[in-house]
PDB file of all heavy atoms in Angstrom:
ATOM      1  N   ARG A   1       7.946  -8.550  12.307  1.00  0.00           N
ATOM      2  CA  ARG A   1       6.668  -9.228  11.970  1.00  0.00           C
ATOM      3  C   ARG A   1       5.519  -8.344  12.396  1.00  0.00           C
ATOM      4  O   ARG A   1       5.536  -7.705  13.442  1.00  0.00           O
ATOM      5  CB  ARG A   1       6.650 -10.528  12.814  1.00  0.00           C
ATOM      6  CG  ARG A   1       5.416 -11.411  12.551  1.00  0.00           C
ATOM      7  CD  ARG A   1       5.483 -12.684  13.421  1.00  0.00           C
ATOM      8  NE  ARG A   1       6.536 -13.538  13.006  1.00  0.00           N
ATOM      9  CZ  ARG A   1       6.440 -14.815  12.669  1.00  0.00           C
ATOM     10  NH1 ARG A   1       5.183 -15.350  12.665  1.00  0.00           N
ATOM     11  NH2 ARG A   1       7.437 -15.513  12.274  1.00  0.00           N
ATOM     12  N   TYR A   2       4.456  -8.309  11.505  1.00  0.00           N
ATOM     13  CA  TYR A   2       3.274  -7.557  11.803  1.00  0.00           C
ATOM     14  C   TYR A   2       2.083  -8.143  10.989  1.00  0.00           C
ATOM     15  O   TYR A   2       2.282  -9.154  10.284  1.00  0.00           O
ATOM     16  CB  TYR A   2       3.466  -6.053  11.463  1.00  0.00           C
ATOM     17  CG  TYR A   2       4.025  -5.775  10.087  1.00  0.00           C
ATOM     18  CD1 TYR A   2       3.182  -5.479   8.968  1.00  0.00           C
ATOM     19  CD2 TYR A   2       5.412  -5.864   9.844  1.00  0.00           C
ATOM     20  CE1 TYR A   2       3.690  -5.229   7.700  1.00  0.00           C
ATOM     21  CE2 TYR A   2       5.911  -5.597   8.567  1.00  0.00           C
ATOM     22  CZ  TYR A   2       5.067  -5.327   7.526  1.00  0.00           C
ATOM     23  OH  TYR A   2       5.609  -5.106   6.280  1.00  0.00           O
ATOM     24  N   ALA A   3       0.924  -7.547  11.064  1.00  0.00           N
ATOM     25  CA  ALA A   3      -0.258  -8.228  10.508  1.00  0.00           C
ATOM     26  C   ALA A   3      -1.387  -7.275  10.185  1.00  0.00           C
ATOM     27  O   ALA A   3      -1.394  -6.104  10.634  1.00  0.00           O
ATOM     28  CB  ALA A   3      -0.784  -9.293  11.483  1.00  0.00           C
ATOM     29  N   ASN A   4      -2.356  -7.808   9.468  1.00  0.00           N
ATOM     30  CA  ASN A   4      -3.685  -7.211   9.245  1.00  0.00           C
ATOM     31  C   ASN A   4      -3.659  -5.766   8.696  1.00  0.00           C
ATOM     32  O   ASN A   4      -4.183  -4.859   9.365  1.00  0.00           O
ATOM     33  CB  ASN A   4      -4.509  -7.265  10.510  1.00  0.00           C
ATOM     34  CG  ASN A   4      -4.619  -8.691  10.994  1.00  0.00           C
ATOM     35  OD1 ASN A   4      -4.685  -9.641  10.241  1.00  0.00           O
ATOM     36  ND2 ASN A   4      -4.682  -8.841  12.333  1.00  0.00           N
ATOM     37  N   PRO A   5      -3.085  -5.566   7.535  1.00  0.00           N
ATOM     38  CA  PRO A   5      -3.084  -4.173   6.950  1.00  0.00           C
ATOM     39  C   PRO A   5      -4.515  -3.732   6.573  1.00  0.00           C
ATOM     40  O   PRO A   5      -5.338  -4.545   6.114  1.00  0.00           O
ATOM     41  CB  PRO A   5      -2.238  -4.302   5.745  1.00  0.00           C
ATOM     42  CG  PRO A   5      -2.294  -5.767   5.348  1.00  0.00           C
ATOM     43  CD  PRO A   5      -2.415  -6.511   6.648  1.00  0.00           C
ATOM     44  N   THR A   6      -4.739  -2.435   6.796  1.00  0.00           N
ATOM     45  CA  THR A   6      -6.046  -1.854   6.424  1.00  0.00           C
ATOM     46  C   THR A   6      -5.793  -0.469   5.818  1.00  0.00           C
ATOM     47  O   THR A   6      -4.735   0.177   6.133  1.00  0.00           O
ATOM     48  CB  THR A   6      -6.963  -1.665   7.625  1.00  0.00           C
ATOM     49  OG1 THR A   6      -6.270  -0.911   8.655  1.00  0.00           O
ATOM     50  CG2 THR A   6      -7.398  -3.019   8.167  1.00  0.00           C
ATOM     51  N   TYR A   7      -6.685  -0.027   4.951  1.00  0.00           N
ATOM     52  CA  TYR A   7      -6.547   1.318   4.376  1.00  0.00           C
ATOM     53  C   TYR A   7      -6.934   2.370   5.347  1.00  0.00           C
ATOM     54  O   TYR A   7      -7.815   2.151   6.228  1.00  0.00           O
ATOM     55  CB  TYR A   7      -7.443   1.448   3.128  1.00  0.00           C
ATOM     56  CG  TYR A   7      -7.023   0.638   1.929  1.00  0.00           C
ATOM     57  CD1 TYR A   7      -7.756  -0.404   1.448  1.00  0.00           C
ATOM     58  CD2 TYR A   7      -5.865   0.950   1.255  1.00  0.00           C
ATOM     59  CE1 TYR A   7      -7.409  -1.173   0.397  1.00  0.00           C
ATOM     60  CE2 TYR A   7      -5.434   0.233   0.140  1.00  0.00           C
ATOM     61  CZ  TYR A   7      -6.223  -0.819  -0.287  1.00  0.00           C
ATOM     62  OH  TYR A   7      -5.805  -1.568  -1.347  1.00  0.00           O
ATOM     63  N   ASP A   8      -6.244   3.526   5.284  1.00  0.00           N
ATOM     64  CA  ASP A   8      -6.555   4.656   6.137  1.00  0.00           C
ATOM     65  C   ASP A   8      -7.677   5.452   5.495  1.00  0.00           C
ATOM     66  O   ASP A   8      -7.507   6.074   4.448  1.00  0.00           O
ATOM     67  CB  ASP A   8      -5.247   5.562   6.285  1.00  0.00           C
ATOM     68  CG  ASP A   8      -5.505   6.785   7.096  1.00  0.00           C
ATOM     69  OD1 ASP A   8      -6.607   6.969   7.639  1.00  0.00           O
ATOM     70  OD2 ASP A   8      -4.565   7.571   7.166  1.00  0.00           O
ATOM     71  N   SER A   9      -8.815   5.463   6.168  1.00  0.00           N
ATOM     72  CA  SER A   9      -9.973   6.124   5.592  1.00  0.00           C
ATOM     73  C   SER A   9      -9.866   7.649   5.566  1.00  0.00           C
ATOM     74  O   SER A   9     -10.664   8.328   4.904  1.00  0.00           O
ATOM     75  CB  SER A   9     -11.256   5.768   6.431  1.00  0.00           C
ATOM     76  OG  SER A   9     -11.119   6.200   7.807  1.00  0.00           O
ATOM     77  N   GLN A  10      -8.852   8.205   6.289  1.00  0.00           N
ATOM     78  CA  GLN A  10      -8.615   9.644   6.255  1.00  0.00           C
ATOM     79  C   GLN A  10      -7.711  10.053   5.103  1.00  0.00           C
ATOM     80  O   GLN A  10      -7.486  11.277   4.903  1.00  0.00           O
ATOM     81  CB  GLN A  10      -8.049  10.080   7.607  1.00  0.00           C
ATOM     82  CG  GLN A  10      -8.909   9.709   8.814  1.00  0.00           C
ATOM     83  CD  GLN A  10     -10.311  10.371   8.700  1.00  0.00           C
ATOM     84  OE1 GLN A  10     -10.473  11.549   8.469  1.00  0.00           O
ATOM     85  NE2 GLN A  10     -11.348   9.508   8.832  1.00  0.00           N
ATOM     86  N   ASN A  11      -7.083   9.099   4.450  1.00  0.00           N
ATOM     87  CA  ASN A  11      -6.217   9.398   3.361  1.00  0.00           C
ATOM     88  C   ASN A  11      -7.009   9.526   2.066  1.00  0.00           C
ATOM     89  O   ASN A  11      -7.777   8.618   1.687  1.00  0.00           O
ATOM     90  CB  ASN A  11      -5.156   8.288   3.187  1.00  0.00           C
ATOM     91  CG  ASN A  11      -4.135   8.587   2.116  1.00  0.00           C
ATOM     92  OD1 ASN A  11      -4.434   8.547   0.912  1.00  0.00           O
ATOM     93  ND2 ASN A  11      -2.899   8.827   2.503  1.00  0.00           N
ATOM     94  N   GLU A  12      -6.901  10.670   1.374  1.00  0.00           N
ATOM     95  CA  GLU A  12      -7.752  10.952   0.195  1.00  0.00           C
ATOM     96  C   GLU A  12      -7.624   9.882  -0.928  1.00  0.00           C
ATOM     97  O   GLU A  12      -8.573   9.606  -1.578  1.00  0.00           O
ATOM     98  CB  GLU A  12      -7.420  12.340  -0.348  1.00  0.00           C
ATOM     99  CG  GLU A  12      -7.896  13.458   0.527  1.00  0.00           C
ATOM    100  CD  GLU A  12      -9.401  13.480   0.715  1.00  0.00           C
ATOM    101  OE1 GLU A  12     -10.121  13.299  -0.309  1.00  0.00           O
ATOM    102  OE2 GLU A  12      -9.898  13.625   1.873  1.00  0.00           O
ATOM    103  N   ILE A  13      -6.411   9.373  -1.075  1.00  0.00           N
ATOM    104  CA  ILE A  13      -6.248   8.373  -2.112  1.00  0.00           C
ATOM    105  C   ILE A  13      -6.615   6.987  -1.648  1.00  0.00           C
ATOM    106  O   ILE A  13      -7.305   6.245  -2.310  1.00  0.00           O
ATOM    107  CB  ILE A  13      -4.791   8.393  -2.681  1.00  0.00           C
ATOM    108  CG1 ILE A  13      -4.439   9.775  -3.214  1.00  0.00           C
ATOM    109  CG2 ILE A  13      -4.551   7.347  -3.729  1.00  0.00           C
ATOM    110  CD1 ILE A  13      -2.985   9.972  -3.624  1.00  0.00           C
ATOM    111  N   ALA A  14      -6.176   6.652  -0.443  1.00  0.00           N
ATOM    112  CA  ALA A  14      -6.412   5.331   0.069  1.00  0.00           C
ATOM    113  C   ALA A  14      -7.883   4.969   0.237  1.00  0.00           C
ATOM    114  O   ALA A  14      -8.316   3.890  -0.012  1.00  0.00           O
ATOM    115  CB  ALA A  14      -5.720   5.171   1.460  1.00  0.00           C
ATOM    116  N   LYS A  15      -8.677   5.999   0.570  1.00  0.00           N
ATOM    117  CA  LYS A  15     -10.096   5.744   0.785  1.00  0.00           C
ATOM    118  C   LYS A  15     -10.837   5.322  -0.504  1.00  0.00           C
ATOM    119  O   LYS A  15     -11.930   4.779  -0.404  1.00  0.00           O
ATOM    120  CB  LYS A  15     -10.773   6.947   1.436  1.00  0.00           C
ATOM    121  CG  LYS A  15     -10.923   8.150   0.564  1.00  0.00           C
ATOM    122  CD  LYS A  15     -11.609   9.261   1.326  1.00  0.00           C
ATOM    123  CE  LYS A  15     -11.869  10.509   0.494  1.00  0.00           C
ATOM    124  NZ  LYS A  15     -12.485  11.601   1.312  1.00  0.00           N
ATOM    125  N   MET A  16     -10.212   5.556  -1.662  1.00  0.00           N
ATOM    126  CA  MET A  16     -10.826   5.134  -2.925  1.00  0.00           C
ATOM    127  C   MET A  16     -10.860   3.588  -3.041  1.00  0.00           C
ATOM    128  O   MET A  16     -11.615   3.032  -3.806  1.00  0.00           O
ATOM    129  CB  MET A  16     -10.076   5.681  -4.101  1.00  0.00           C
ATOM    130  CG  MET A  16     -10.030   7.204  -4.209  1.00  0.00           C
ATOM    131  SD  MET A  16      -9.429   7.783  -5.800  1.00  0.00           S
ATOM    132  CE  MET A  16      -7.829   7.028  -5.865  1.00  0.00           C
ATOM    133  N   PHE A  17     -10.015   2.934  -2.265  1.00  0.00           N
ATOM    134  CA  PHE A  17      -9.894   1.500  -2.344  1.00  0.00           C
ATOM    135  C   PHE A  17     -10.683   0.743  -1.279  1.00  0.00           C
ATOM    136  O   PHE A  17     -10.559  -0.455  -1.128  1.00  0.00           O
ATOM    137  CB  PHE A  17      -8.414   1.090  -2.330  1.00  0.00           C
ATOM    138  CG  PHE A  17      -7.597   1.781  -3.387  1.00  0.00           C
ATOM    139  CD1 PHE A  17      -6.687   2.808  -3.049  1.00  0.00           C
ATOM    140  CD2 PHE A  17      -7.753   1.465  -4.728  1.00  0.00           C
ATOM    141  CE1 PHE A  17      -5.959   3.460  -4.043  1.00  0.00           C
ATOM    142  CE2 PHE A  17      -7.036   2.098  -5.709  1.00  0.00           C
ATOM    143  CZ  PHE A  17      -6.173   3.171  -5.372  1.00  0.00           C
ATOM    144  N   ILE A  18     -11.379   1.537  -0.442  1.00  0.00           N
ATOM    145  CA  ILE A  18     -12.264   0.964   0.578  1.00  0.00           C
ATOM    146  C   ILE A  18     -13.619   0.653  -0.105  1.00  0.00           C
ATOM    147  O   ILE A  18     -14.327   1.573  -0.483  1.00  0.00           O
ATOM    148  CB  ILE A  18     -12.419   1.867   1.774  1.00  0.00           C
ATOM    149  CG1 ILE A  18     -11.038   2.134   2.439  1.00  0.00           C
ATOM    150  CG2 ILE A  18     -13.370   1.309   2.810  1.00  0.00           C
ATOM    151  CD1 ILE A  18     -11.088   3.112   3.605  1.00  0.00           C
ATOM    152  N   LEU A  19     -13.932  -0.601  -0.231  1.00  0.00           N
ATOM    153  CA  LEU A  19     -15.139  -0.984  -0.907  1.00  0.00           C
ATOM    154  C   LEU A  19     -16.218  -1.498   0.049  1.00  0.00           C
ATOM    155  O   LEU A  19     -15.944  -2.401   0.890  1.00  0.00           O
ATOM    156  CB  LEU A  19     -14.827  -2.092  -1.944  1.00  0.00           C
ATOM    157  CG  LEU A  19     -13.778  -1.741  -2.995  1.00  0.00           C
ATOM    158  CD1 LEU A  19     -13.506  -2.929  -3.887  1.00  0.00           C
ATOM    159  CD2 LEU A  19     -14.202  -0.482  -3.781  1.00  0.00           C
ATOM    160  N   LYS A  20     -17.421  -0.911  -0.019  1.00  0.00           N
ATOM    161  CA  LYS A  20     -18.542  -1.291   0.809  1.00  0.00           C
ATOM    162  C   LYS A  20     -18.178  -1.298   2.303  1.00  0.00           C
ATOM    163  O   LYS A  20     -18.540  -2.185   3.087  1.00  0.00           O
ATOM    164  CB  LYS A  20     -19.048  -2.680   0.423  1.00  0.00           C
ATOM    165  CG  LYS A  20     -19.613  -2.706  -1.011  1.00  0.00           C
ATOM    166  CD  LYS A  20     -20.154  -4.062  -1.365  1.00  0.00           C
ATOM    167  CE  LYS A  20     -20.720  -4.049  -2.781  1.00  0.00           C
ATOM    168  NZ  LYS A  20     -21.231  -5.447  -3.153  1.00  0.00           N
ATOM    169  N   GLY A  21     -17.349  -0.341   2.696  1.00  0.00           N
ATOM    170  CA  GLY A  21     -16.987  -0.185   4.104  1.00  0.00           C
ATOM    171  C   GLY A  21     -15.907  -1.100   4.556  1.00  0.00           C
ATOM    172  O   GLY A  21     -15.493  -1.031   5.757  1.00  0.00           O
ATOM    173  N   ASP A  22     -15.396  -1.948   3.682  1.00  0.00           N
ATOM    174  CA  ASP A  22     -14.339  -2.922   4.105  1.00  0.00           C
ATOM    175  C   ASP A  22     -12.946  -2.311   3.740  1.00  0.00           C
ATOM    176  O   ASP A  22     -12.571  -2.172   2.573  1.00  0.00           O
ATOM    177  CB  ASP A  22     -14.522  -4.257   3.347  1.00  0.00           C
ATOM    178  CG  ASP A  22     -13.550  -5.333   3.776  1.00  0.00           C
ATOM    179  OD1 ASP A  22     -12.746  -5.064   4.707  1.00  0.00           O
ATOM    180  OD2 ASP A  22     -13.542  -6.415   3.183  1.00  0.00           O
ATOM    181  N   SER A  23     -12.173  -1.989   4.789  1.00  0.00           N
ATOM    182  CA  SER A  23     -10.878  -1.379   4.596  1.00  0.00           C
ATOM    183  C   SER A  23      -9.708  -2.388   4.581  1.00  0.00           C
ATOM    184  O   SER A  23      -8.559  -1.995   4.456  1.00  0.00           O
ATOM    185  CB  SER A  23     -10.594  -0.377   5.712  1.00  0.00           C
ATOM    186  OG  SER A  23     -10.587  -0.978   6.965  1.00  0.00           O
ATOM    187  N   THR A  24     -10.049  -3.697   4.625  1.00  0.00           N
ATOM    188  CA  THR A  24      -8.969  -4.758   4.622  1.00  0.00           C
ATOM    189  C   THR A  24      -8.151  -4.698   3.357  1.00  0.00           C
ATOM    190  O   THR A  24      -8.702  -4.560   2.207  1.00  0.00           O
ATOM    191  CB  THR A  24      -9.628  -6.134   4.730  1.00  0.00           C
ATOM    192  OG1 THR A  24     -10.471  -6.168   5.904  1.00  0.00           O
ATOM    193  CG2 THR A  24      -8.581  -7.253   4.796  1.00  0.00           C
ATOM    194  N   VAL A  25      -6.821  -4.821   3.499  1.00  0.00           N
ATOM    195  CA  VAL A  25      -5.947  -4.870   2.349  1.00  0.00           C
ATOM    196  C   VAL A  25      -5.502  -6.330   2.189  1.00  0.00           C
ATOM    197  O   VAL A  25      -4.827  -6.889   3.008  1.00  0.00           O
ATOM    198  CB  VAL A  25      -4.695  -3.986   2.546  1.00  0.00           C
ATOM    199  CG1 VAL A  25      -3.795  -4.047   1.309  1.00  0.00           C
ATOM    200  CG2 VAL A  25      -5.067  -2.558   2.881  1.00  0.00           C
ATOM    201  N   SER A  26      -5.991  -6.956   1.145  1.00  0.00           N
ATOM    202  CA  SER A  26      -5.745  -8.385   0.907  1.00  0.00           C
ATOM    203  C   SER A  26      -4.680  -8.641  -0.173  1.00  0.00           C
ATOM    204  O   SER A  26      -4.315  -9.798  -0.398  1.00  0.00           O
ATOM    205  CB  SER A  26      -7.039  -9.094   0.550  1.00  0.00           C
ATOM    206  OG  SER A  26      -7.548  -8.523  -0.653  1.00  0.00           O
ATOM    207  N   GLY A  27      -4.181  -7.627  -0.801  1.00  0.00           N
ATOM    208  CA  GLY A  27      -3.175  -7.845  -1.846  1.00  0.00           C
ATOM    209  C   GLY A  27      -2.904  -6.481  -2.509  1.00  0.00           C
ATOM    210  O   GLY A  27      -3.347  -5.412  -2.110  1.00  0.00           O
ATOM    211  N   GLY A  28      -2.089  -6.583  -3.630  1.00  0.00           N
ATOM    212  CA  GLY A  28      -1.743  -5.357  -4.346  1.00  0.00           C
ATOM    213  C   GLY A  28      -0.539  -5.601  -5.223  1.00  0.00           C
ATOM    214  O   GLY A  28      -0.178  -6.790  -5.489  1.00  0.00           O
ATOM    215  N   TYR A  29       0.138  -4.538  -5.575  1.00  0.00           N
ATOM    216  CA  TYR A  29       1.291  -4.573  -6.532  1.00  0.00           C
ATOM    217  C   TYR A  29       2.582  -4.401  -5.842  1.00  0.00           C
ATOM    218  O   TYR A  29       2.725  -3.579  -4.908  1.00  0.00           O
ATOM    219  CB  TYR A  29       1.107  -3.523  -7.615  1.00  0.00           C
ATOM    220  CG  TYR A  29      -0.028  -3.894  -8.542  1.00  0.00           C
ATOM    221  CD1 TYR A  29      -1.359  -3.617  -8.257  1.00  0.00           C
ATOM    222  CD2 TYR A  29       0.252  -4.547  -9.757  1.00  0.00           C
ATOM    223  CE1 TYR A  29      -2.386  -3.967  -9.132  1.00  0.00           C
ATOM    224  CE2 TYR A  29      -0.747  -4.911 -10.656  1.00  0.00           C
ATOM    225  CZ  TYR A  29      -2.091  -4.603 -10.301  1.00  0.00           C
ATOM    226  OH  TYR A  29      -3.084  -4.990 -11.164  1.00  0.00           O
ATOM    227  N   VAL A  30       3.581  -5.161  -6.239  1.00  0.00           N
ATOM    228  CA  VAL A  30       4.978  -5.079  -5.737  1.00  0.00           C
ATOM    229  C   VAL A  30       5.661  -4.045  -6.621  1.00  0.00           C
ATOM    230  O   VAL A  30       5.447  -3.989  -7.856  1.00  0.00           O
ATOM    231  CB  VAL A  30       5.706  -6.423  -5.825  1.00  0.00           C
ATOM    232  CG1 VAL A  30       7.215  -6.245  -5.730  1.00  0.00           C
ATOM    233  CG2 VAL A  30       5.190  -7.345  -4.759  1.00  0.00           C
ATOM    234  N   SER A  31       6.537  -3.247  -6.025  1.00  0.00           N
ATOM    235  CA  SER A  31       7.309  -2.241  -6.777  1.00  0.00           C
ATOM    236  C   SER A  31       8.574  -1.897  -6.069  1.00  0.00           C
ATOM    237  O   SER A  31       8.743  -2.229  -4.845  1.00  0.00           O
ATOM    238  CB  SER A  31       6.453  -0.963  -7.027  1.00  0.00           C
ATOM    239  OG  SER A  31       6.095  -0.410  -5.812  1.00  0.00           O
ATOM    240  N   PHE A  32       9.499  -1.242  -6.830  1.00  0.00           N
ATOM    241  CA  PHE A  32      10.773  -0.814  -6.202  1.00  0.00           C
ATOM    242  C   PHE A  32      10.830   0.752  -6.368  1.00  0.00           C
ATOM    243  O   PHE A  32      10.385   1.293  -7.317  1.00  0.00           O
ATOM    244  CB  PHE A  32      11.958  -1.456  -6.907  1.00  0.00           C
ATOM    245  CG  PHE A  32      11.950  -2.937  -6.725  1.00  0.00           C
ATOM    246  CD1 PHE A  32      11.615  -3.794  -7.807  1.00  0.00           C
ATOM    247  CD2 PHE A  32      12.318  -3.537  -5.555  1.00  0.00           C
ATOM    248  CE1 PHE A  32      11.629  -5.143  -7.627  1.00  0.00           C
ATOM    249  CE2 PHE A  32      12.330  -4.929  -5.393  1.00  0.00           C
ATOM    250  CZ  PHE A  32      11.973  -5.702  -6.450  1.00  0.00           C
ATOM    251  N   GLN A  33      11.502   1.355  -5.408  1.00  0.00           N
ATOM    252  CA  GLN A  33      11.571   2.801  -5.413  1.00  0.00           C
ATOM    253  C   GLN A  33      12.784   3.319  -6.119  1.00  0.00           C
ATOM    254  O   GLN A  33      13.849   2.775  -6.107  1.00  0.00           O
ATOM    255  CB  GLN A  33      11.690   3.313  -3.924  1.00  0.00           C
ATOM    256  CG  GLN A  33      10.467   3.011  -3.058  1.00  0.00           C
ATOM    257  CD  GLN A  33      10.704   3.475  -1.608  1.00  0.00           C
ATOM    258  OE1 GLN A  33      11.872   3.614  -1.187  1.00  0.00           O
ATOM    259  NE2 GLN A  33       9.678   3.702  -0.888  1.00  0.00           N
ATOM    260  N   SER A  34      12.585   4.484  -6.827  1.00  0.00           N
ATOM    261  CA  SER A  34      13.770   5.306  -7.151  1.00  0.00           C
ATOM    262  C   SER A  34      13.658   6.571  -6.283  1.00  0.00           C
ATOM    263  O   SER A  34      12.894   7.473  -6.541  1.00  0.00           O
ATOM    264  CB  SER A  34      13.692   5.687  -8.686  1.00  0.00           C
ATOM    265  OG  SER A  34      12.547   6.442  -9.045  1.00  0.00           O
ATOM    266  N   ASN A  35      14.415   6.571  -5.235  1.00  0.00           N
ATOM    267  CA  ASN A  35      14.373   7.570  -4.209  1.00  0.00           C
ATOM    268  C   ASN A  35      15.398   8.688  -4.366  1.00  0.00           C
ATOM    269  O   ASN A  35      15.170   9.782  -3.942  1.00  0.00           O
ATOM    270  CB  ASN A  35      14.480   6.994  -2.804  1.00  0.00           C
ATOM    271  CG  ASN A  35      13.139   6.579  -2.230  1.00  0.00           C
ATOM    272  OD1 ASN A  35      12.123   6.794  -2.828  1.00  0.00           O
ATOM    273  ND2 ASN A  35      13.163   5.950  -1.043  1.00  0.00           N
ATOM    274  N   SER A  36      16.577   8.320  -4.897  1.00  0.00           N
ATOM    275  CA  SER A  36      17.650   9.306  -5.093  1.00  0.00           C
ATOM    276  C   SER A  36      19.068   8.691  -5.031  1.00  0.00           C
ATOM    277  O   SER A  36      20.011   9.334  -5.377  1.00  0.00           O
ATOM    278  CB  SER A  36      17.563  10.512  -4.156  1.00  0.00           C
ATOM    279  OG  SER A  36      17.607  10.054  -2.829  1.00  0.00           O
ATOM    280  N   HIS A  37      19.142   7.465  -4.545  1.00  0.00           N
ATOM    281  CA  HIS A  37      20.483   6.845  -4.467  1.00  0.00           C
ATOM    282  C   HIS A  37      20.565   5.646  -5.431  1.00  0.00           C
ATOM    283  O   HIS A  37      19.637   4.780  -5.403  1.00  0.00           O
ATOM    284  CB  HIS A  37      20.810   6.402  -3.034  1.00  0.00           C
ATOM    285  CG  HIS A  37      22.258   6.210  -2.836  1.00  0.00           C
ATOM    286  ND1 HIS A  37      23.096   7.062  -2.169  1.00  0.00           N
ATOM    287  CD2 HIS A  37      23.121   5.193  -3.331  1.00  0.00           C
ATOM    288  CE1 HIS A  37      24.323   6.607  -2.145  1.00  0.00           C
ATOM    289  NE2 HIS A  37      24.378   5.493  -2.864  1.00  0.00           N
ATOM    290  N   PRO A  38      21.619   5.545  -6.263  1.00  0.00           N
ATOM    291  CA  PRO A  38      21.698   4.430  -7.171  1.00  0.00           C
ATOM    292  C   PRO A  38      21.718   3.074  -6.479  1.00  0.00           C
ATOM    293  O   PRO A  38      22.316   2.902  -5.411  1.00  0.00           O
ATOM    294  CB  PRO A  38      23.101   4.617  -7.798  1.00  0.00           C
ATOM    295  CG  PRO A  38      23.313   6.113  -7.750  1.00  0.00           C
ATOM    296  CD  PRO A  38      22.702   6.479  -6.403  1.00  0.00           C
ATOM    297  N   ILE A  39      21.027   2.114  -7.090  1.00  0.00           N
ATOM    298  CA  ILE A  39      20.855   0.760  -6.470  1.00  0.00           C
ATOM    299  C   ILE A  39      20.807  -0.265  -7.664  1.00  0.00           C
ATOM    300  O   ILE A  39      20.312   0.048  -8.722  1.00  0.00           O
ATOM    301  CB  ILE A  39      19.596   0.735  -5.590  1.00  0.00           C
ATOM    302  CG1 ILE A  39      19.550  -0.601  -4.801  1.00  0.00           C
ATOM    303  CG2 ILE A  39      18.314   0.958  -6.379  1.00  0.00           C
ATOM    304  CD1 ILE A  39      18.470  -0.650  -3.757  1.00  0.00           C
ATOM    305  N   ASP A  40      21.343  -1.428  -7.363  1.00  0.00           N
ATOM    306  CA  ASP A  40      21.286  -2.549  -8.288  1.00  0.00           C
ATOM    307  C   ASP A  40      20.550  -3.724  -7.690  1.00  0.00           C
ATOM    308  O   ASP A  40      20.619  -3.985  -6.509  1.00  0.00           O
ATOM    309  CB  ASP A  40      22.707  -3.048  -8.655  1.00  0.00           C
ATOM    310  CG  ASP A  40      23.498  -2.049  -9.486  1.00  0.00           C
ATOM    311  OD1 ASP A  40      22.925  -1.262 -10.234  1.00  0.00           O
ATOM    312  OD2 ASP A  40      24.746  -2.017  -9.272  1.00  0.00           O
ATOM    313  N   PHE A  41      19.854  -4.448  -8.574  1.00  0.00           N
ATOM    314  CA  PHE A  41      19.206  -5.723  -8.221  1.00  0.00           C
ATOM    315  C   PHE A  41      19.741  -6.777  -9.173  1.00  0.00           C
ATOM    316  O   PHE A  41      19.709  -6.578 -10.377  1.00  0.00           O
ATOM    317  CB  PHE A  41      17.689  -5.622  -8.315  1.00  0.00           C
ATOM    318  CG  PHE A  41      17.040  -4.685  -7.423  1.00  0.00           C
ATOM    319  CD1 PHE A  41      16.930  -3.362  -7.807  1.00  0.00           C
ATOM    320  CD2 PHE A  41      16.570  -5.050  -6.157  1.00  0.00           C
ATOM    321  CE1 PHE A  41      16.275  -2.391  -6.905  1.00  0.00           C
ATOM    322  CE2 PHE A  41      16.029  -4.168  -5.292  1.00  0.00           C
ATOM    323  CZ  PHE A  41      15.852  -2.830  -5.686  1.00  0.00           C
ATOM    324  N   ARG A  42      20.261  -7.882  -8.617  1.00  0.00           N
ATOM    325  CA  ARG A  42      20.753  -8.951  -9.528  1.00  0.00           C
ATOM    326  C   ARG A  42      19.832 -10.175  -9.517  1.00  0.00           C
ATOM    327  O   ARG A  42      19.993 -11.033 -10.392  1.00  0.00           O
ATOM    328  CB  ARG A  42      22.184  -9.367  -9.102  1.00  0.00           C
ATOM    329  CG  ARG A  42      22.342 -10.108  -7.795  1.00  0.00           C
ATOM    330  CD  ARG A  42      23.725 -10.456  -7.569  1.00  0.00           C
ATOM    331  NE  ARG A  42      23.946 -11.075  -6.292  1.00  0.00           N
ATOM    332  CZ  ARG A  42      25.118 -11.409  -5.745  1.00  0.00           C
ATOM    333  NH1 ARG A  42      26.247 -11.175  -6.452  1.00  0.00           N
ATOM    334  NH2 ARG A  42      25.228 -12.006  -4.553  1.00  0.00           N
TER     335      ARG A  42
END
């Protein structure tokens, strides 16, 4: 369990999503990784 995600202002890509100084992360997109090992979802 954890809480209160925020964007890292030192990350070159993440800082693009900080609007008007507010780094709060309130939502986003769900995705699955293709990392290198075969996996199934049913």
